[in-house]
Protein backbone atom coordinates (compact mmCIF):
# COMPACT_ATOMS: atom_id res chain seq x y z
CA UNK A 1 92.65 72.46 112.95
CA UNK A 2 95.23 72.23 115.46
CA UNK A 3 94.07 74.23 118.63
CA UNK A 4 97.53 75.26 119.31
CA UNK A 5 97.73 76.80 115.94
CA UNK A 6 96.09 80.60 116.57
CA UNK A 7 98.98 81.33 119.11
CA UNK A 8 101.75 79.25 117.37
CA UNK A 9 101.31 81.76 114.36
CA UNK A 10 102.93 84.40 116.11
CA UNK A 11 106.01 82.17 117.15
CA UNK A 12 106.66 81.71 113.33
CA UNK A 13 110.80 82.55 112.77
CA UNK A 14 111.75 80.61 109.48
CA UNK A 15 110.17 80.24 106.30
CA UNK A 16 109.70 76.80 106.87
CA UNK A 17 107.11 77.22 109.87
CA UNK A 18 105.85 79.93 107.67
CA UNK A 19 104.98 77.45 105.20
CA UNK A 20 103.69 75.04 107.37
CA UNK A 21 101.75 77.09 109.14
CA UNK A 22 99.78 78.76 105.83
CA UNK A 23 99.43 75.41 104.56
CA UNK A 24 97.70 74.37 107.40
CA UNK A 25 95.22 77.38 107.26
CA UNK A 26 94.65 76.81 103.88
CA UNK A 27 93.30 73.73 104.36
CA UNK A 28 91.20 74.58 107.29
CA UNK A 29 89.86 77.60 105.71
CA UNK A 30 89.37 75.56 102.37
CA UNK A 31 87.07 73.00 104.41
CA UNK A 32 85.60 75.51 106.67
CA UNK A 33 85.01 79.16 104.80
CA UNK A 34 82.09 78.70 102.88
CA UNK A 35 82.68 81.54 100.25
CA UNK A 36 86.46 80.39 99.96
CA UNK A 37 85.49 77.18 99.73
CA UNK A 38 83.10 78.02 96.53
CA UNK A 39 85.69 80.67 95.10
CA UNK A 40 88.13 77.54 94.89
CA UNK A 41 85.19 75.21 93.83
CA UNK A 42 84.45 77.77 90.83
CA UNK A 43 88.18 77.58 89.88
CA UNK A 44 88.48 74.17 89.31
CA UNK A 45 91.15 73.87 92.62
CA UNK A 46 90.95 70.64 94.51
CA UNK A 47 92.18 71.98 97.67
CA UNK A 48 93.88 68.72 98.60
CA UNK A 49 96.43 69.03 95.97
CA UNK A 50 97.66 72.25 97.03
CA UNK A 51 101.21 71.27 98.70
CA UNK A 52 102.98 74.63 98.38
CA UNK A 53 102.31 78.28 99.03
CA UNK A 54 102.80 79.44 95.49
CA UNK A 55 99.81 76.94 94.31
CA UNK A 56 97.42 78.91 96.92
CA UNK A 57 94.73 80.79 95.33
CA UNK A 58 94.45 84.30 96.71
CA UNK A 59 90.72 85.46 97.20
CA UNK A 60 90.31 89.30 96.01
CA UNK A 61 89.56 91.61 98.28
CA UNK A 62 86.56 92.84 96.85
CA UNK A 63 84.64 89.78 98.35
CA UNK A 64 84.99 91.58 101.52
CA UNK A 65 82.55 93.90 100.30
CA UNK A 66 80.23 91.32 98.92
CA UNK A 67 80.19 88.39 100.98
CA UNK A 68 80.40 87.59 104.93
CA UNK A 69 83.79 86.16 104.37
CA UNK A 70 84.14 83.87 107.86
CA UNK A 71 84.64 80.26 108.81
CA UNK A 72 81.67 77.99 109.50
CA UNK A 73 78.94 79.19 112.08
CA UNK A 74 81.12 81.61 114.03
CA UNK A 75 80.21 84.83 114.91
CA UNK A 76 81.98 88.10 114.81
CA UNK A 77 83.15 89.68 117.95
CA UNK A 78 84.00 92.95 116.04
CA UNK A 79 82.99 94.23 112.19
CA UNK A 80 85.60 96.48 110.73
CA UNK A 81 84.33 98.80 107.86
CA UNK A 82 86.20 100.53 105.38
CA UNK A 83 85.26 104.04 104.51
CA UNK A 84 84.54 103.25 100.71
CA UNK A 85 82.74 106.52 99.29
CA UNK A 86 79.45 107.40 98.35
CA UNK A 87 79.76 105.14 94.75
CA UNK A 88 81.12 101.88 96.29
CA UNK A 89 80.16 99.67 98.91
CA UNK A 90 82.36 99.31 101.81
CA UNK A 91 84.20 96.17 102.99
CA UNK A 92 83.50 94.47 106.00
CA UNK A 93 85.46 92.44 107.83
CA UNK A 94 84.24 90.04 110.23
CA UNK A 95 86.76 89.28 113.03
CA UNK A 96 85.34 85.96 115.24
CA UNK A 97 88.54 86.45 117.56
CA UNK A 98 89.48 90.36 118.35
CA UNK A 99 92.18 88.87 120.26
CA UNK A 100 94.27 87.90 117.26
CA UNK A 101 93.74 91.43 116.49
CA UNK A 102 95.30 92.92 119.65
CA UNK A 103 98.02 90.08 119.35
CA UNK A 104 98.47 90.63 115.68
CA UNK A 105 99.23 94.57 116.27
CA UNK A 106 100.51 94.89 119.41
CA UNK A 107 103.45 92.13 118.50
CA UNK A 108 104.12 93.81 115.52
CA UNK A 109 104.22 97.11 116.89
CA UNK A 110 106.95 95.62 119.31
CA UNK A 111 109.17 94.32 116.58
CA UNK A 112 109.56 97.71 114.61
CA UNK A 113 109.54 100.24 117.53
CA UNK A 114 109.71 98.42 120.57
CA UNK A 115 107.50 98.56 123.97
CA UNK A 116 104.29 101.07 123.17
CA UNK A 117 104.57 101.53 127.15
CA UNK A 118 107.57 103.65 126.13
CA UNK A 119 105.46 105.95 123.71
CA UNK A 120 103.51 108.88 124.13
CA UNK A 121 101.01 108.45 120.82
CA UNK A 122 99.18 111.01 119.27
CA UNK A 123 96.79 110.24 116.41
CA UNK A 124 95.19 112.32 113.93
CA UNK A 125 92.92 110.68 112.25
CA UNK A 126 89.67 112.79 111.35
CA UNK A 127 88.20 110.60 108.52
CA UNK A 128 88.45 107.71 110.73
CA UNK A 129 86.91 108.54 113.73
CA UNK A 130 83.99 110.26 111.78
CA UNK A 131 82.79 106.76 111.18
CA UNK A 132 82.43 103.47 112.90
CA UNK A 133 84.24 100.35 112.42
CA UNK A 134 87.73 101.39 111.68
CA UNK A 135 90.55 99.00 112.48
CA UNK A 136 92.91 101.75 112.15
CA UNK A 137 90.81 103.66 114.94
CA UNK A 138 90.73 100.44 117.17
CA UNK A 139 94.65 99.79 116.73
CA UNK A 140 95.37 103.04 118.27
CA UNK A 141 92.91 102.79 120.67
CA UNK A 142 94.63 99.68 121.95
CA UNK A 143 97.84 101.12 121.75
CA UNK A 144 96.99 104.09 123.73
CA UNK A 145 95.85 102.52 126.60
CA UNK A 146 99.08 100.42 126.35
CA UNK A 147 101.21 103.38 126.33
CA UNK A 148 99.43 104.91 129.87
CA UNK A 149 101.03 107.88 128.75
CA UNK A 150 98.51 111.10 130.12
CA UNK A 151 98.84 112.77 126.82
CA UNK A 152 98.16 110.02 124.67
CA UNK A 153 95.05 110.46 122.72
CA UNK A 154 93.18 111.08 119.55
CA UNK A 155 93.32 114.82 118.23
CA UNK A 156 90.39 115.40 116.21
CA UNK A 157 89.52 119.10 114.94
CA UNK A 158 92.87 119.92 117.42
CA UNK A 159 95.46 120.77 115.26
CA UNK A 160 96.64 123.92 117.47
CA UNK A 161 96.25 121.50 120.78
CA UNK A 162 98.22 118.75 118.81
CA UNK A 163 100.85 121.54 117.79
CA UNK A 164 101.38 122.27 121.44
CA UNK A 165 101.75 118.50 122.58
CA UNK A 166 104.64 118.28 119.91
CA UNK A 167 106.02 121.50 121.23
CA UNK A 168 105.80 120.06 125.11
CA UNK A 169 107.32 116.51 123.43
CA UNK A 170 110.01 118.50 122.18
CA UNK A 171 110.51 120.01 125.67
CA UNK A 172 110.81 116.72 127.78
CA UNK A 173 112.38 114.46 124.78
CA UNK A 174 109.73 111.66 125.69
CA UNK A 175 109.51 109.05 122.35
CA UNK A 176 106.39 110.20 120.68
CA UNK A 177 104.64 108.95 117.59
CA UNK A 178 102.54 110.79 115.81
CA UNK A 179 100.19 109.05 113.36
CA UNK A 180 97.81 110.53 111.05
CA UNK A 181 95.75 110.16 107.64
CA UNK A 182 98.01 111.86 104.78
CA UNK A 183 95.75 114.79 104.43
CA UNK A 184 95.59 115.75 108.13
CA UNK A 185 99.19 115.67 108.62
CA UNK A 186 99.81 117.83 105.53
CA UNK A 187 97.35 120.51 106.89
CA UNK A 188 99.63 120.62 110.29
CA UNK A 189 102.48 120.75 108.15
CA UNK A 190 101.21 123.84 106.47
CA UNK A 191 99.57 125.45 109.74
CA UNK A 192 101.93 124.69 112.64
CA UNK A 193 105.34 124.29 111.13
CA UNK A 194 108.16 123.20 114.07
CA UNK A 195 111.69 121.45 114.11
CA UNK A 196 110.95 118.13 115.74
CA UNK A 197 113.84 116.24 117.66
CA UNK A 198 115.02 112.43 116.66
CA UNK A 199 112.58 111.12 119.37
CA UNK A 200 109.28 112.04 117.69
CA UNK A 201 108.14 109.69 114.80
CA UNK A 202 105.92 111.25 112.30
CA UNK A 203 103.94 108.23 110.57
CA UNK A 204 101.65 108.54 107.44
CA UNK A 205 98.87 106.23 107.12
CA UNK A 206 98.22 107.50 103.14
CA UNK A 207 95.39 108.44 101.44
CA UNK A 208 93.81 112.34 101.13
CA UNK A 209 90.28 110.83 101.03
CA UNK A 210 89.25 113.39 98.86
CA UNK A 211 90.46 116.28 101.58
CA UNK A 212 93.16 117.50 99.09
CA UNK A 213 94.98 116.95 95.91
CA UNK A 214 96.20 113.41 95.83
CA UNK A 215 100.19 113.26 96.33
CA UNK A 216 102.62 110.80 95.48
CA UNK A 217 104.06 109.34 98.85
CA UNK A 218 107.61 111.05 98.15
CA UNK A 219 105.93 114.48 97.32
CA UNK A 220 103.97 113.79 100.88
CA UNK A 221 107.38 113.03 102.41
CA UNK A 222 109.07 115.55 101.55
CA UNK A 223 106.31 118.29 102.59
CA UNK A 224 106.40 116.55 105.88
CA UNK A 225 109.93 116.76 106.62
CA UNK A 226 110.32 119.75 105.71
CA UNK A 227 108.03 121.22 107.64
CA UNK A 228 109.15 119.02 110.86
CA UNK A 229 112.86 119.39 110.14
CA UNK A 230 112.90 115.17 110.05
CA UNK A 231 115.08 113.13 107.65
CA UNK A 232 112.58 110.53 107.32
CA UNK A 233 108.99 109.89 107.46
CA UNK A 234 107.56 106.64 108.24
CA UNK A 235 104.60 105.04 107.08
CA UNK A 236 101.91 102.15 108.20
CA UNK A 237 100.39 99.65 105.43
CA UNK A 238 97.07 98.45 106.46
CA UNK A 239 93.47 97.25 105.37
CA UNK A 240 90.36 96.21 106.60
CA UNK A 241 90.70 92.98 105.22
CA UNK A 242 93.73 92.35 107.18
CA UNK A 243 94.50 91.72 110.78
CA UNK A 244 97.91 92.63 110.61
CA UNK A 245 100.18 95.68 109.55
CA UNK A 246 103.55 96.63 107.74
CA UNK A 247 105.91 99.37 108.67
CA UNK A 248 107.88 101.69 106.36
CA UNK A 249 110.67 103.57 108.43
CA UNK A 250 111.14 105.87 105.61
CA UNK A 251 111.24 105.79 101.55
CA UNK A 252 108.42 103.60 101.49
CA UNK A 253 109.61 100.46 101.65
CA UNK A 254 107.20 98.29 104.13
CA UNK A 255 108.49 95.43 105.98
CA UNK A 256 106.25 92.33 107.58
CA UNK A 257 105.77 90.60 110.67
CA UNK A 258 106.69 87.02 110.57
CA UNK A 259 103.00 85.85 110.43
CA UNK A 260 102.41 87.98 107.10
CA UNK A 261 103.91 87.96 103.74
CA UNK A 262 103.39 89.69 100.54
CA UNK A 263 103.97 87.90 96.88
CA UNK A 264 103.14 89.86 93.46
CA UNK A 265 101.07 88.59 90.92
CA UNK A 266 100.89 88.51 86.95
CA UNK A 267 98.75 91.75 86.63
CA UNK A 268 97.22 89.94 83.61
CA UNK A 269 97.13 86.36 85.17
CA UNK A 270 95.78 86.96 88.51
CA UNK A 271 96.32 83.13 89.50
CA UNK A 272 100.07 83.46 88.81
CA UNK A 273 103.04 83.89 91.14
CA UNK A 274 105.98 86.29 89.86
CA UNK A 275 109.41 84.87 91.10
CA UNK A 276 112.43 86.75 91.58
CA UNK A 277 115.19 86.04 88.57
CA UNK A 278 118.67 84.83 89.04
CA UNK A 279 120.05 88.29 88.16
CA UNK A 280 119.17 91.67 86.16
CA UNK A 281 119.77 92.52 82.79
CA UNK A 282 122.88 93.89 83.69
CA UNK A 283 124.28 90.40 85.42
CA UNK A 284 123.90 92.17 88.70
CA UNK A 285 124.10 89.01 91.24
CA UNK A 286 121.61 91.27 93.60
CA UNK A 287 118.35 90.26 92.78
CA UNK A 288 115.89 93.02 91.61
CA UNK A 289 112.14 93.42 92.84
CA UNK A 290 109.13 91.68 90.94
CA UNK A 291 106.19 94.09 90.20
CA UNK A 292 102.27 93.42 89.90
CA UNK A 293 99.52 93.12 92.00
CA UNK A 294 100.13 92.64 95.66
CA UNK A 295 98.79 89.29 97.15
CA UNK A 296 99.23 89.04 101.31
CA UNK A 297 98.95 86.36 103.22
CA UNK A 298 97.76 86.89 106.54
CA UNK A 299 97.98 84.00 108.97
CA UNK A 300 96.33 86.22 111.55
CA UNK A 301 93.13 86.10 109.37
CA UNK A 302 92.85 82.81 110.57
CA UNK A 303 88.95 82.67 110.75
CA UNK A 304 88.06 84.89 107.72
CA UNK A 305 90.52 84.56 104.61
CA UNK A 306 94.57 84.56 105.20
CA UNK A 307 94.69 84.59 101.54
CA UNK A 308 94.06 87.82 99.98
CA UNK A 309 94.42 89.48 96.41
CA UNK A 310 94.63 93.15 97.22
CA UNK A 311 94.08 95.99 94.50
CA UNK A 312 97.42 97.69 95.50
CA UNK A 313 100.18 97.49 92.64
CA UNK A 314 103.83 97.40 93.98
CA UNK A 315 107.05 95.41 93.68
CA UNK A 316 108.15 93.03 96.11
CA UNK A 317 111.62 92.63 97.09
CA UNK A 318 113.72 89.42 97.54
CA UNK A 319 113.65 89.72 101.36
CA UNK A 320 110.15 90.27 101.80
CA UNK A 321 110.09 93.87 101.70
CA UNK A 322 107.73 95.80 99.47
CA UNK A 323 106.85 99.02 97.98
CA UNK A 324 103.15 100.19 96.78
CA UNK A 325 102.96 101.86 93.46
CA UNK A 326 99.54 102.09 92.79
CA UNK A 327 96.21 100.69 92.24
CA UNK A 328 94.35 98.76 89.42
CA UNK A 329 92.22 100.60 87.35
CA UNK A 330 88.28 99.51 87.82
CA UNK A 331 89.84 97.83 90.92
CA UNK A 332 85.72 97.55 92.54
CA UNK A 333 85.14 95.00 89.77
CA UNK A 334 88.38 92.96 88.96
CA UNK A 335 88.55 89.61 90.20
CA UNK A 336 85.24 89.16 91.32
CA UNK A 337 83.12 87.99 88.42
CA UNK A 338 83.07 84.73 89.79
CA UNK A 339 80.64 84.60 92.39
CA UNK A 340 78.47 87.55 91.86
CA UNK A 341 75.84 87.79 94.68
């Protein structure tokens, strides 16, 4: 592998550069990641014949629950673990180089929201703080440290204190980002509704975690918008198995940093990547989104696996933005039968 690749991935600014870097990462991981190499072998794929990213097989996310997905004999600096449930095995992401995650999350945030130093970060993540190994908690902790604002921090079980902090930010109009898990934001909205100014961003990370009745995203956003008098609610898309995030500034349409790309696969043929038609059935020149399972290329996953077939269903637009519309049924077992441990 080119020794400059770890930092070069963060300088990608064209489609050709992304494709070249993705192929280089693929050939490196096909050779040095034993789990991915074995998966390719079971599929009968000759890695040396892969010449474009549409031909690359994606590793089902479930492998992070059953295998140690890591290149060579590297030892992890961090191990991120998903929340899971009492009936499922959590995903574990062994991170060999934590600096890649810090670079990815910081650069992505700057791309979409500007310097973290200008924000006060208010984190409402009770279900994540109650366990160890959350990549989301690590991300917010890093942004809070970069912020340097004295009021930045985690607000576990302190809805009244958080409501007071929002009132203070309304008073001084300091740029503020309130990021929370969906059920906690819904609790805050119902107990402490307040008109927030346009200098305060409310961002949800999804998931009721069994604490409240599940809501579709539009229903949740409507609840939060009404309670906080905001025209838009932002969203963050991330996974334990990834080292990059996508952000939405409203309506659940997510956008990726240049080193991350989302593709749609055929739900009935997981090795087939769907492409955009030339036009829709009405003959409009504007391309319509493709619908299917979401595959993600995350080049920051340099030392684990950069090619992940998620359990999410969604729509991928021609400009690279995407929506999440649901999940596969029985996702715990789908796609993993080639290498049952």
